[in-house]
Amino acid sequence: MSPQNSFVVTMAICLLNGLVSPMLPVVWHLHPVWMPELLPATREIVFYGASLIVSTATLLTAAVPAAIAERMGLSLQGAMMVWAGAAALLLLAGLR
């Protein structure tokens, strides 16, 4: 699998985590802090924004072990697999 395909898989896992994460209700209730006032605070818009925030946080959090693994000498393909694995572990924590 090429690094580009591994990144697509990682992104898909992070997007799924944005839908099922236990952090989603926390970010949902904090919408007055992060949501601009020019948007209406409908349920759909707040859910979409909260899901994107959680997905992005998952992507960035899962990248930390991959960056450390690559710095330790792992190949690019191996680091991408570590990234996907870390994202999958965060997804499994959310599915529990």
C-alpha atoms as a PDB file:
ATOM      1  CA  MET A   1       0.000   0.000   0.000  1.00  0.00           C
ATOM      2  CA  SER A   2       1.417   3.394  -0.950  1.00  0.00           C
ATOM      3  CA  PRO A   3       1.764   6.236   1.591  1.00  0.00           C
ATOM      4  CA  GLN A   4      -1.035   8.117  -0.174  1.00  0.00           C
ATOM      5  CA  ASN A   5      -3.424   5.196   0.280  1.00  0.00           C
ATOM      6  CA  SER A   6      -2.371   4.835   3.913  1.00  0.00           C
ATOM      7  CA  PHE A   7      -3.168   8.511   4.465  1.00  0.00           C
ATOM      8  CA  VAL A   8      -6.629   8.074   2.920  1.00  0.00           C
ATOM      9  CA  VAL A   9      -7.277   5.137   5.268  1.00  0.00           C
ATOM     10  CA  THR A  10      -6.067   7.217   8.218  1.00  0.00           C
ATOM     11  CA  MET A  11      -8.347  10.092   7.228  1.00  0.00           C
ATOM     12  CA  ALA A  12     -11.332   7.732   6.932  1.00  0.00           C
ATOM     13  CA  ILE A  13     -10.639   6.320  10.397  1.00  0.00           C
ATOM     14  CA  CYS A  14     -10.384   9.835  11.841  1.00  0.00           C
ATOM     15  CA  LEU A  15     -13.645  10.876  10.205  1.00  0.00           C
ATOM     16  CA  LEU A  16     -15.384   7.840  11.676  1.00  0.00           C
ATOM     17  CA  ASN A  17     -13.966   8.707  15.073  1.00  0.00           C
ATOM     18  CA  GLY A  18     -15.439  12.182  14.688  1.00  0.00           C
ATOM     19  CA  LEU A  19     -18.871  10.576  14.572  1.00  0.00           C
ATOM     20  CA  VAL A  20     -18.565   8.112  17.469  1.00  0.00           C
ATOM     21  CA  SER A  21     -16.047   9.645  19.859  1.00  0.00           C
ATOM     22  CA  PRO A  22     -17.048  10.161  23.493  1.00  0.00           C
ATOM     23  CA  MET A  23     -15.542  13.660  23.166  1.00  0.00           C
ATOM     24  CA  LEU A  24     -18.242  14.675  20.679  1.00  0.00           C
ATOM     25  CA  PRO A  25     -20.836  15.654  23.335  1.00  0.00           C
ATOM     26  CA  VAL A  26     -18.182  17.668  25.185  1.00  0.00           C
ATOM     27  CA  VAL A  27     -17.302  19.658  22.069  1.00  0.00           C
ATOM     28  CA  TRP A  28     -21.009  19.933  21.238  1.00  0.00           C
ATOM     29  CA  HIS A  29     -21.778  21.627  24.549  1.00  0.00           C
ATOM     30  CA  LEU A  30     -18.839  23.996  24.127  1.00  0.00           C
ATOM     31  CA  HIS A  31     -20.203  25.356  20.843  1.00  0.00           C
ATOM     32  CA  PRO A  32     -20.691  28.895  22.208  1.00  0.00           C
ATOM     33  CA  VAL A  33     -16.908  29.048  22.617  1.00  0.00           C
ATOM     34  CA  TRP A  34     -15.802  27.856  19.164  1.00  0.00           C
ATOM     35  CA  MET A  35     -18.738  28.650  16.898  1.00  0.00           C
ATOM     36  CA  PRO A  36     -18.899  32.085  15.254  1.00  0.00           C
ATOM     37  CA  GLU A  37     -22.023  34.118  15.910  1.00  0.00           C
ATOM     38  CA  LEU A  38     -22.767  34.717  12.253  1.00  0.00           C
ATOM     39  CA  LEU A  39     -23.771  31.053  11.846  1.00  0.00           C
ATOM     40  CA  PRO A  40     -27.109  29.908  13.209  1.00  0.00           C
ATOM     41  CA  ALA A  41     -26.714  27.463  16.093  1.00  0.00           C
ATOM     42  CA  THR A  42     -28.861  24.724  14.589  1.00  0.00           C
ATOM     43  CA  ARG A  43     -28.298  21.113  15.600  1.00  0.00           C
ATOM     44  CA  GLU A  44     -26.969  20.176  12.171  1.00  0.00           C
ATOM     45  CA  ILE A  45     -24.369  22.927  12.019  1.00  0.00           C
ATOM     46  CA  VAL A  46     -23.214  22.372  15.602  1.00  0.00           C
ATOM     47  CA  PHE A  47     -22.920  18.610  15.021  1.00  0.00           C
ATOM     48  CA  TYR A  48     -20.984  19.129  11.783  1.00  0.00           C
ATOM     49  CA  GLY A  49     -18.579  21.546  13.436  1.00  0.00           C
ATOM     50  CA  ALA A  50     -18.098  19.391  16.523  1.00  0.00           C
ATOM     51  CA  SER A  51     -17.497  16.332  14.373  1.00  0.00           C
ATOM     52  CA  LEU A  52     -14.866  18.174  12.332  1.00  0.00           C
ATOM     53  CA  ILE A  53     -13.119  19.387  15.474  1.00  0.00           C
ATOM     54  CA  VAL A  54     -12.996  15.873  16.956  1.00  0.00           C
ATOM     55  CA  SER A  55     -11.830  14.397  13.629  1.00  0.00           C
ATOM     56  CA  THR A  56      -9.034  16.931  13.339  1.00  0.00           C
ATOM     57  CA  ALA A  57      -7.988  16.373  16.950  1.00  0.00           C
ATOM     58  CA  THR A  58      -7.880  12.624  16.283  1.00  0.00           C
ATOM     59  CA  LEU A  59      -5.727  13.150  13.187  1.00  0.00           C
ATOM     60  CA  LEU A  60      -3.262  15.340  15.079  1.00  0.00           C
ATOM     61  CA  THR A  61      -3.151  13.125  18.173  1.00  0.00           C
ATOM     62  CA  ALA A  62      -2.544   9.991  16.129  1.00  0.00           C
ATOM     63  CA  ALA A  63       0.274  11.729  14.246  1.00  0.00           C
ATOM     64  CA  VAL A  64       2.435  12.057  17.370  1.00  0.00           C
ATOM     65  CA  PRO A  65       3.432   8.347  17.606  1.00  0.00           C
ATOM     66  CA  ALA A  66       4.000   8.269  13.848  1.00  0.00           C
ATOM     67  CA  ALA A  67       6.315  11.266  14.012  1.00  0.00           C
ATOM     68  CA  ILE A  68       8.253   9.700  16.870  1.00  0.00           C
ATOM     69  CA  ALA A  69       8.501   6.390  14.992  1.00  0.00           C
ATOM     70  CA  GLU A  70       9.737   8.127  11.859  1.00  0.00           C
ATOM     71  CA  ARG A  71      12.280  10.100  13.876  1.00  0.00           C
ATOM     72  CA  MET A  72      13.529   6.827  15.381  1.00  0.00           C
ATOM     73  CA  GLY A  73      14.350   5.552  11.894  1.00  0.00           C
ATOM     74  CA  LEU A  74      11.186   3.846  10.652  1.00  0.00           C
ATOM     75  CA  SER A  75      10.471   4.153   6.941  1.00  0.00           C
ATOM     76  CA  LEU A  76       7.747   6.411   5.598  1.00  0.00           C
ATOM     77  CA  GLN A  77       5.457   3.464   4.917  1.00  0.00           C
ATOM     78  CA  GLY A  78       6.006   2.109   8.422  1.00  0.00           C
ATOM     79  CA  ALA A  79       5.309   5.523   9.968  1.00  0.00           C
ATOM     80  CA  MET A  80       2.091   5.809   7.952  1.00  0.00           C
ATOM     81  CA  MET A  81       1.002   2.416   9.263  1.00  0.00           C
ATOM     82  CA  VAL A  82       1.778   3.568  12.824  1.00  0.00           C
ATOM     83  CA  TRP A  83      -0.349   6.652  12.147  1.00  0.00           C
ATOM     84  CA  ALA A  84      -3.263   4.524  10.912  1.00  0.00           C
ATOM     85  CA  GLY A  85      -2.851   2.163  13.860  1.00  0.00           C
ATOM     86  CA  ALA A  86      -2.889   4.994  16.389  1.00  0.00           C
ATOM     87  CA  ALA A  87      -6.014   6.430  14.753  1.00  0.00           C
ATOM     88  CA  ALA A  88      -7.629   2.982  14.858  1.00  0.00           C
ATOM     89  CA  LEU A  89      -6.838   2.674  18.580  1.00  0.00           C
ATOM     90  CA  LEU A  90      -8.521   6.028  19.190  1.00  0.00           C
ATOM     91  CA  LEU A  91     -11.499   4.835  17.151  1.00  0.00           C
ATOM     92  CA  LEU A  92     -11.735   1.624  19.170  1.00  0.00           C
ATOM     93  CA  ALA A  93     -11.677   3.660  22.367  1.00  0.00           C
ATOM     94  CA  GLY A  94     -14.625   5.617  21.020  1.00  0.00           C
ATOM     95  CA  LEU A  95     -16.570   2.518  20.007  1.00  0.00           C
ATOM     96  CA  ARG A  96     -16.325   1.056  23.478  1.00  0.00           C
END
